[in-house]
Amino acid sequence: MSKKLRIGIFGFGVVGQGLYDIIKTKQLNFEIVKFAIKDPNKKRTLPAELFTTDRDEILDDPEINTVVELINDSKAAFEIVKKALTSGKNVVSASKKMIADNLEELIYLQKQYGTSLLYEGAVCGSIPIIRNLEEYYDNELLHSISGIFNGSSNYILSKVYNEGLDYDTALKQAQDLGFAETDPTSDVGGFDPKYKLVIAAAHAYGVIVKPEEVLNIGIQNLSTYDLQYAKEKRLKIKLVPAAKELDSQHVALFVMPKFVNSTEFLYNVDNEYNGVVVQAAFADQQFFFGKGAGGHPTGSAVLSDIAALRYDYQYEYKKTHEKKDLKFTNDIELNVYVRYDDEELIEALNFDYIHERFYSGKFRFVIGTIKLQNLIANQHRILTENAFVAFAGDLKDVRLSVMDDVATEVL
């Protein structure tokens, strides 16, 4: 039997409005008591008595048993979520940065206080990937999980590739539609999909990784040369986060643009849609597809979590609690494409092996095998020198670096 939820919601932006639009069409066993907002002067579509600027009006109300957190400030979001959990309130959140930055403590708080934090809406919008990793794949060996986790960057890439728009025009369209923020750095820089990858990897592998340890290279430096190369090779460019289990002791995570061919699921994932590819040992390859940006898609995921709390649903974090030797590593080798201006950058990247090199006028690129650590060491230089880097291989070919292999053999 479901219990009655009395809900306090933090934030009434795109997702908050989207959630309310969905809720008002349903007959569900819960009541929205109050919205906490930042700007009391902003015009709202609901009665003024439903809003407050005092967060403690929600957090200290003993009648409110459920908190929904939908704000943009990750530090403030953590303070809200922490106080709610320690006060015996269950929480639903869509704040991917807050969760990724504080996941270990959030897991601890749930266990200590017997409360539940659900966050399906924080990862890939309407796609129920966290619930599937928790329930369907909880006893499955996963070789890899990858995909398109950011609707904003995918919208931009789709428009420049399919319609020939320039990057700035496509970005402006994404912002006008509410897919991208005024400051798009988190989306186009690969930070947003990195936070989502860190969260997904915790459920897929039980490995909790600090976001700052994971390489993210974005699409800001995309040029017509890169699009020209992709089209000539009948490839598309997608911003792809990836996690791969390398062996029984190592898992790698990274985010960067990827050349995708027409046989891959992600090839036809366009505009604001997301796609998640799970490669499992026994279930083989499975694909999840859905809208990843917008108030209603994310709102639907938030509502699903709220509904689950009526039946006291909690994440079990089975793989996180298991005693395993699996650890995160950046000591891997992979094939990449680098389009560049300065030859000194290629020297600094120190490729292990160059498979292809091209030079014609201002268009220069190298494709070769490189250590991920070399990309990390030159990440700032890649960005500031307007170079473009893309994963030019297959996840099955990503391997531990030679040095790591040697060390393992010696041990």
Protein backbone atom coordinates (compact mmCIF):
# COMPACT_ATOMS: atom_id res chain seq x y z
CA MET A 1 0.00 0.00 0.00
CA SER A 2 1.38 3.40 -0.95
CA LYS A 3 1.89 6.08 1.66
CA LYS A 4 0.85 9.72 1.38
CA LEU A 5 3.70 12.01 0.42
CA ARG A 6 3.75 15.64 1.47
CA ILE A 7 6.31 17.32 -0.74
CA GLY A 8 8.49 20.40 -0.55
CA ILE A 9 10.15 21.39 -3.84
CA PHE A 10 13.30 23.49 -4.21
CA GLY A 11 13.32 25.34 -7.52
CA PHE A 12 10.66 26.23 -10.05
CA GLY A 13 12.69 26.58 -13.22
CA VAL A 14 12.45 24.53 -16.42
CA VAL A 15 12.39 21.15 -14.64
CA GLY A 16 10.24 22.35 -11.74
CA GLN A 17 7.64 23.76 -14.13
CA GLY A 18 7.85 20.60 -16.24
CA LEU A 19 7.29 18.43 -13.18
CA TYR A 20 4.28 20.49 -12.11
CA ASP A 21 2.79 20.31 -15.62
CA ILE A 22 2.92 16.51 -15.44
CA ILE A 23 1.67 16.26 -11.86
CA LYS A 24 -1.42 18.36 -12.44
CA THR A 25 -2.62 15.84 -15.05
CA LYS A 26 -2.35 12.91 -12.61
CA GLN A 27 -4.32 11.66 -9.63
CA LEU A 28 -1.53 10.57 -7.30
CA ASN A 29 -1.27 9.98 -3.58
CA PHE A 30 0.79 13.04 -2.73
CA GLU A 31 0.48 16.77 -2.09
CA ILE A 32 2.84 19.62 -2.98
CA VAL A 33 2.98 21.74 0.16
CA LYS A 34 5.49 24.43 -0.78
CA PHE A 35 8.04 25.59 -3.37
CA ALA A 36 11.27 27.24 -2.20
CA ILE A 37 12.51 29.82 -4.72
CA LYS A 38 15.32 32.34 -4.97
CA ASP A 39 13.61 35.32 -6.61
CA PRO A 40 10.30 36.33 -4.97
CA ASN A 41 9.65 39.01 -7.61
CA LYS A 42 9.63 36.70 -10.60
CA LYS A 43 6.18 36.10 -12.05
CA ARG A 44 4.87 32.58 -11.36
CA THR A 45 2.02 30.55 -12.79
CA LEU A 46 0.88 29.38 -9.34
CA PRO A 47 -0.62 31.14 -6.29
CA ALA A 48 1.90 33.20 -4.28
CA GLU A 49 1.13 31.32 -1.04
CA LEU A 50 2.72 28.18 -2.51
CA PHE A 51 6.15 29.88 -2.63
CA THR A 52 8.73 30.78 -0.01
CA THR A 53 12.29 32.12 -0.04
CA ASP A 54 13.07 30.51 3.32
CA ARG A 55 14.43 27.00 2.73
CA ASP A 56 13.93 26.06 6.39
CA GLU A 57 10.20 26.54 5.98
CA ILE A 58 10.37 23.25 4.09
CA LEU A 59 13.28 21.54 5.84
CA ASP A 60 11.94 22.21 9.37
CA ASP A 61 8.32 21.32 8.61
CA PRO A 62 7.65 17.93 10.26
CA GLU A 63 4.61 17.41 8.02
CA ILE A 64 6.76 17.45 4.88
CA ASN A 65 8.22 13.96 4.46
CA THR A 66 9.68 14.30 0.95
CA VAL A 67 12.00 16.90 -0.56
CA VAL A 68 12.50 17.42 -4.30
CA GLU A 69 15.70 19.35 -5.15
CA LEU A 70 15.82 21.03 -8.58
CA ILE A 71 18.17 24.02 -8.21
CA ASN A 72 21.31 25.00 -10.15
CA ASP A 73 23.64 25.75 -7.23
CA SER A 74 25.38 22.45 -6.42
CA LYS A 75 26.77 23.60 -3.06
CA ALA A 76 23.41 24.88 -1.86
CA ALA A 77 21.79 21.73 -3.22
CA PHE A 78 24.10 19.53 -1.13
CA GLU A 79 23.30 21.51 2.03
CA ILE A 80 19.58 21.09 1.36
CA VAL A 81 19.82 17.38 0.57
CA LYS A 82 22.10 16.66 3.54
CA LYS A 83 19.78 18.40 6.01
CA ALA A 84 16.73 16.68 4.54
CA LEU A 85 18.29 13.21 4.76
CA THR A 86 19.55 13.74 8.30
CA SER A 87 16.09 15.04 9.30
CA GLY A 88 14.40 11.83 8.20
CA LYS A 89 13.05 13.14 4.90
CA ASN A 90 13.44 11.23 1.65
CA VAL A 91 14.84 13.16 -1.29
CA VAL A 92 14.58 13.23 -5.07
CA SER A 93 17.26 15.24 -6.87
CA ALA A 94 18.18 16.11 -10.46
CA SER A 95 21.49 17.80 -9.53
CA LYS A 96 24.12 15.68 -11.29
CA LYS A 97 27.12 17.79 -10.17
CA MET A 98 26.03 17.80 -6.54
CA ILE A 99 25.53 14.04 -6.55
CA ALA A 100 28.77 13.24 -8.40
CA ASP A 101 30.82 15.52 -6.13
CA ASN A 102 29.37 14.09 -2.91
CA LEU A 103 28.29 10.57 -3.78
CA GLU A 104 30.29 8.74 -1.13
CA GLU A 105 28.90 10.92 1.68
CA LEU A 106 25.37 10.74 0.28
CA ILE A 107 25.50 6.93 0.31
CA TYR A 108 26.73 7.03 3.90
CA LEU A 109 23.98 9.45 5.00
CA GLN A 110 21.26 7.26 3.54
CA LYS A 111 22.56 4.22 5.39
CA GLN A 112 23.09 6.09 8.67
CA TYR A 113 19.67 7.76 8.79
CA GLY A 114 17.58 5.17 6.97
CA THR A 115 16.47 7.66 4.36
CA SER A 116 16.38 7.42 0.57
CA LEU A 117 17.89 9.61 -2.14
CA LEU A 118 16.74 8.93 -5.71
CA TYR A 119 18.17 10.71 -8.76
CA GLU A 120 17.01 9.15 -12.01
CA GLY A 121 16.40 12.63 -13.43
CA ALA A 122 20.07 13.54 -12.92
CA VAL A 123 21.31 11.09 -15.58
CA CYS A 124 20.05 11.12 -19.17
CA GLY A 125 16.69 12.80 -18.70
CA SER A 126 13.82 10.44 -19.41
CA ILE A 127 15.96 7.29 -19.77
CA PRO A 128 15.66 5.03 -16.66
CA ILE A 129 19.30 3.97 -16.72
CA ILE A 130 20.03 4.19 -12.97
CA ARG A 131 17.07 1.98 -12.04
CA ASN A 132 18.15 -0.54 -14.67
CA LEU A 133 21.73 -0.59 -13.43
CA GLU A 134 20.42 -1.06 -9.89
CA GLU A 135 17.84 -3.75 -10.64
CA TYR A 136 18.41 -5.45 -13.99
CA TYR A 137 22.21 -5.42 -14.04
CA ASP A 138 22.84 -5.76 -10.30
CA ASN A 139 24.38 -9.25 -10.69
CA GLU A 140 25.66 -8.78 -14.24
CA LEU A 141 29.25 -8.33 -15.36
CA LEU A 142 29.35 -5.15 -17.43
CA HIS A 143 32.16 -4.76 -19.96
CA SER A 144 31.30 -1.12 -20.72
CA ILE A 145 28.70 1.61 -20.53
CA SER A 146 28.80 4.56 -22.91
CA GLY A 147 26.54 6.85 -24.88
CA ILE A 148 25.23 10.33 -25.43
CA PHE A 149 24.48 11.75 -22.00
CA ASN A 150 24.04 15.44 -22.83
CA GLY A 151 21.15 16.67 -24.96
CA SER A 152 22.54 20.19 -25.36
CA SER A 153 25.83 19.20 -26.99
CA ASN A 154 24.11 16.54 -29.07
CA TYR A 155 21.63 19.12 -30.37
CA ILE A 156 24.51 21.38 -31.42
CA LEU A 157 26.44 18.56 -33.09
CA SER A 158 23.32 17.41 -34.93
CA LYS A 159 22.58 20.88 -36.28
CA VAL A 160 26.11 21.59 -37.51
CA TYR A 161 26.45 18.14 -39.10
CA ASN A 162 22.96 17.57 -40.53
CA GLU A 163 21.92 21.14 -41.40
CA GLY A 164 25.24 22.89 -41.92
CA LEU A 165 24.67 25.49 -39.20
CA ASP A 166 27.72 27.15 -37.74
CA TYR A 167 28.57 26.29 -34.13
CA ASP A 168 27.48 29.62 -32.60
CA THR A 169 24.07 29.55 -34.33
CA ALA A 170 23.42 25.99 -33.20
CA LEU A 171 24.43 26.90 -29.63
CA LYS A 172 22.08 29.90 -29.64
CA GLN A 173 19.21 27.67 -30.80
CA ALA A 174 19.95 25.21 -27.99
CA GLN A 175 19.92 28.06 -25.46
CA ASP A 176 16.67 29.51 -26.84
CA LEU A 177 15.00 26.11 -26.52
CA GLY A 178 16.14 25.74 -22.91
CA PHE A 179 18.50 22.85 -23.67
CA ALA A 180 21.70 24.79 -22.89
CA GLU A 181 22.47 27.25 -20.12
CA THR A 182 23.47 30.90 -20.71
CA ASP A 183 26.99 29.76 -19.81
CA PRO A 184 27.21 26.53 -21.86
CA THR A 185 30.62 25.42 -20.56
CA SER A 186 29.29 22.52 -18.51
CA ASP A 187 27.47 21.07 -21.53
CA VAL A 188 29.84 21.71 -24.43
CA GLY A 189 32.96 21.27 -22.26
CA GLY A 190 31.97 17.74 -21.30
CA PHE A 191 31.51 18.44 -17.58
CA ASP A 192 27.80 17.63 -17.48
CA PRO A 193 28.19 14.19 -19.12
CA LYS A 194 31.19 13.54 -16.86
CA TYR A 195 29.09 14.02 -13.72
CA LYS A 196 26.47 11.68 -15.15
CA LEU A 197 29.13 9.11 -16.05
CA VAL A 198 30.55 9.16 -12.52
CA ILE A 199 27.07 8.49 -11.10
CA ALA A 200 26.31 5.71 -13.60
CA ALA A 201 29.71 4.07 -13.00
CA ALA A 202 29.01 3.84 -9.26
CA HIS A 203 25.90 1.77 -9.98
CA ALA A 204 27.48 -0.18 -12.85
CA TYR A 205 30.79 -1.06 -11.18
CA GLY A 206 30.57 -0.02 -7.54
CA VAL A 207 33.48 2.39 -8.07
CA ILE A 208 33.14 5.89 -6.63
CA VAL A 209 35.34 8.32 -8.56
CA LYS A 210 35.94 12.01 -7.97
CA PRO A 211 34.83 13.94 -11.07
CA GLU A 212 38.05 15.96 -11.17
CA GLU A 213 40.01 12.73 -11.75
CA VAL A 214 38.12 11.95 -14.97
CA LEU A 215 39.25 13.47 -18.28
CA ASN A 216 36.63 15.53 -20.10
CA ILE A 217 37.34 17.04 -23.50
CA GLY A 218 34.45 18.94 -25.08
CA ILE A 219 33.27 20.16 -28.46
CA GLN A 220 34.15 23.89 -28.13
CA ASN A 221 36.97 23.64 -30.66
CA LEU A 222 34.99 21.83 -33.34
CA SER A 223 35.79 23.24 -36.80
CA THR A 224 34.65 22.79 -40.38
CA TYR A 225 37.81 20.73 -40.93
CA ASP A 226 36.67 18.15 -38.37
CA LEU A 227 33.21 17.98 -39.95
CA GLN A 228 34.81 17.66 -43.39
CA TYR A 229 36.90 14.69 -42.21
CA ALA A 230 33.90 13.01 -40.56
CA LYS A 231 31.70 13.38 -43.65
CA GLU A 232 34.40 12.10 -45.98
CA LYS A 233 34.69 8.98 -43.81
CA ARG A 234 30.88 8.71 -43.45
CA LEU A 235 31.16 9.20 -39.71
CA LYS A 236 29.32 11.43 -37.25
CA ILE A 237 30.82 13.26 -34.29
CA LYS A 238 29.17 12.69 -30.92
CA LEU A 239 30.24 13.70 -27.40
CA VAL A 240 30.56 10.34 -25.68
CA PRO A 241 31.26 9.51 -22.02
CA ALA A 242 32.53 5.98 -21.55
CA ALA A 243 33.31 3.59 -18.71
CA LYS A 244 35.09 0.32 -19.39
CA GLU A 245 36.14 -2.52 -17.13
CA LEU A 246 39.65 -3.37 -18.32
CA ASP A 247 40.22 -6.43 -16.13
CA SER A 248 39.24 -7.68 -12.68
CA GLN A 249 41.13 -4.82 -11.04
CA HIS A 250 40.74 -1.76 -13.26
CA VAL A 251 37.95 0.40 -14.69
CA ALA A 252 38.54 3.50 -16.83
CA LEU A 253 36.30 6.54 -17.36
CA PHE A 254 36.66 9.39 -19.86
CA VAL A 255 34.59 11.89 -21.86
CA MET A 256 35.49 13.14 -25.33
CA PRO A 257 34.07 13.55 -28.82
CA LYS A 258 33.93 10.28 -30.75
CA PHE A 259 33.74 9.36 -34.41
CA VAL A 260 30.68 7.13 -34.71
CA ASN A 261 30.01 4.93 -37.74
CA SER A 262 26.63 3.98 -39.22
CA THR A 263 26.62 0.51 -37.62
CA GLU A 264 26.64 1.96 -34.08
CA PHE A 265 23.47 2.68 -32.14
CA LEU A 266 24.58 6.25 -31.39
CA TYR A 267 24.83 7.19 -35.07
CA ASN A 268 21.12 7.97 -35.35
CA VAL A 269 20.74 9.63 -31.93
CA ASP A 270 20.24 13.27 -32.91
CA ASN A 271 19.10 16.62 -31.50
CA GLU A 272 18.24 16.65 -27.78
CA TYR A 273 17.96 12.87 -27.56
CA ASN A 274 20.24 10.70 -25.43
CA GLY A 275 21.31 7.12 -25.92
CA VAL A 276 22.99 4.68 -23.54
CA VAL A 277 24.78 1.53 -24.71
CA VAL A 278 25.43 -1.19 -22.14
CA GLN A 279 27.78 -4.01 -23.11
CA ALA A 280 27.23 -6.91 -20.71
CA ALA A 281 28.87 -10.31 -20.46
CA PHE A 282 25.64 -12.30 -20.54
CA ALA A 283 22.92 -9.92 -21.73
CA ASP A 284 25.27 -8.77 -24.53
CA GLN A 285 24.66 -5.27 -25.97
CA GLN A 286 21.57 -3.28 -25.02
CA PHE A 287 20.51 0.21 -26.02
CA PHE A 288 18.40 2.79 -24.18
CA PHE A 289 17.03 5.80 -26.08
CA GLY A 290 15.04 8.86 -25.03
CA LYS A 291 14.95 12.62 -24.63
CA GLY A 292 17.78 13.91 -22.49
CA ALA A 293 16.98 17.61 -22.26
CA GLY A 294 13.90 19.67 -21.51
CA GLY A 295 11.55 20.19 -18.58
CA HIS A 296 9.03 17.47 -19.36
CA PRO A 297 11.45 14.58 -20.07
CA THR A 298 13.48 15.30 -16.92
CA GLY A 299 10.30 16.03 -14.98
CA SER A 300 8.96 12.60 -15.91
CA ALA A 301 12.06 10.95 -14.43
CA VAL A 302 11.70 13.02 -11.25
CA LEU A 303 8.04 12.02 -10.99
CA SER A 304 8.99 8.35 -11.37
CA ASP A 305 11.31 8.69 -8.37
CA ILE A 306 8.64 10.46 -6.34
CA ALA A 307 6.19 7.66 -7.13
CA ALA A 308 8.76 5.05 -6.08
CA LEU A 309 9.12 6.72 -2.68
CA ARG A 310 5.46 5.99 -1.99
CA TYR A 311 6.60 2.38 -1.63
CA ASP A 312 9.80 3.20 0.31
CA TYR A 313 12.09 2.39 -2.62
CA GLN A 314 15.83 2.77 -2.00
CA TYR A 315 18.95 2.21 -4.05
CA GLU A 316 20.80 -0.79 -2.61
CA TYR A 317 24.25 0.07 -4.04
CA LYS A 318 25.01 -3.66 -4.13
CA LYS A 319 28.17 -3.35 -6.20
CA THR A 320 29.41 -0.43 -4.09
CA HIS A 321 29.03 -2.42 -0.87
CA GLU A 322 30.67 -5.56 -2.29
CA LYS A 323 34.33 -6.02 -1.37
CA LYS A 324 36.03 -5.97 -4.76
CA ASP A 325 39.48 -5.10 -6.00
CA LEU A 326 38.12 -3.00 -8.89
CA LYS A 327 39.65 0.48 -8.95
CA PHE A 328 39.56 3.49 -11.24
CA THR A 329 42.60 4.13 -13.43
CA ASN A 330 43.74 6.63 -16.05
CA ASP A 331 46.65 4.41 -17.10
CA ILE A 332 45.17 3.38 -20.45
CA GLU A 333 45.98 3.59 -24.15
CA LEU A 334 43.48 4.46 -26.88
CA ASN A 335 43.33 5.71 -30.46
CA VAL A 336 42.57 9.40 -30.98
CA TYR A 337 42.29 11.98 -33.75
CA VAL A 338 43.97 15.33 -33.05
CA ARG A 339 43.44 18.32 -35.36
CA TYR A 340 46.00 20.97 -34.48
CA ASP A 341 47.91 24.10 -35.52
CA ASP A 342 51.19 23.78 -33.62
CA GLU A 343 53.52 20.81 -34.20
CA GLU A 344 54.84 21.27 -30.67
CA LEU A 345 51.50 20.07 -29.31
CA ILE A 346 51.88 16.75 -31.13
CA GLU A 347 55.40 16.41 -29.71
CA ALA A 348 54.08 17.10 -26.21
CA LEU A 349 51.31 14.51 -26.61
CA ASN A 350 54.02 11.92 -27.34
CA PHE A 351 52.01 9.42 -29.40
CA ASP A 352 53.03 5.78 -28.92
CA TYR A 353 52.24 5.09 -32.55
CA ILE A 354 50.95 7.30 -35.39
CA HIS A 355 48.61 5.50 -37.80
CA GLU A 356 47.82 8.44 -40.08
CA ARG A 357 49.10 11.98 -40.54
CA PHE A 358 47.62 14.65 -42.81
CA TYR A 359 48.81 18.15 -43.68
CA SER A 360 47.16 20.45 -46.22
CA GLY A 361 47.16 24.22 -45.76
CA LYS A 362 45.64 24.97 -42.36
CA PHE A 363 44.20 21.46 -41.96
CA ARG A 364 46.53 19.24 -39.98
CA PHE A 365 45.60 16.10 -38.11
CA VAL A 366 47.15 13.01 -36.60
CA ILE A 367 45.47 9.72 -35.74
CA GLY A 368 47.36 7.43 -33.43
CA THR A 369 47.67 5.52 -30.19
CA ILE A 370 48.24 7.64 -27.11
CA LYS A 371 48.32 7.30 -23.33
CA LEU A 372 45.34 8.96 -21.68
CA GLN A 373 47.71 10.50 -19.14
CA ASN A 374 49.34 12.49 -21.96
CA LEU A 375 45.96 13.96 -22.90
CA ILE A 376 45.31 14.84 -19.26
CA ALA A 377 48.70 16.56 -18.95
CA ASN A 378 47.96 18.68 -22.04
CA GLN A 379 44.23 19.23 -21.54
CA HIS A 380 44.49 22.99 -20.98
CA ARG A 381 46.84 23.39 -23.92
CA ILE A 382 44.46 21.49 -26.21
CA LEU A 383 41.64 23.85 -25.26
CA THR A 384 43.57 27.11 -25.51
CA GLU A 385 45.36 26.22 -28.75
CA ASN A 386 42.05 25.47 -30.47
CA ALA A 387 42.96 21.82 -31.11
CA PHE A 388 40.20 19.25 -31.49
CA VAL A 389 40.51 15.76 -30.03
CA ALA A 390 38.21 12.83 -30.74
CA PHE A 391 38.19 9.17 -29.76
CA ALA A 392 38.91 7.36 -33.03
CA GLY A 393 38.58 3.75 -31.96
CA ASP A 394 36.36 1.18 -30.32
CA LEU A 395 35.95 0.66 -26.59
CA LYS A 396 36.96 -2.98 -26.93
CA ASP A 397 40.41 -1.79 -28.06
CA VAL A 398 41.00 0.46 -25.05
CA ARG A 399 43.57 -1.23 -22.85
CA LEU A 400 45.82 -0.73 -19.88
CA SER A 401 49.00 1.11 -20.78
CA VAL A 402 52.17 -0.89 -21.40
CA MET A 403 53.74 0.40 -18.19
CA ASP A 404 50.73 -0.75 -16.18
CA ASP A 405 50.80 -4.15 -17.90
CA VAL A 406 54.46 -4.60 -17.00
CA ALA A 407 53.84 -3.60 -13.40
CA THR A 408 50.96 -6.10 -13.16
CA GLU A 409 53.11 -8.91 -14.58
CA VAL A 410 55.91 -8.18 -12.12
CA LEU A 411 53.50 -8.27 -9.20
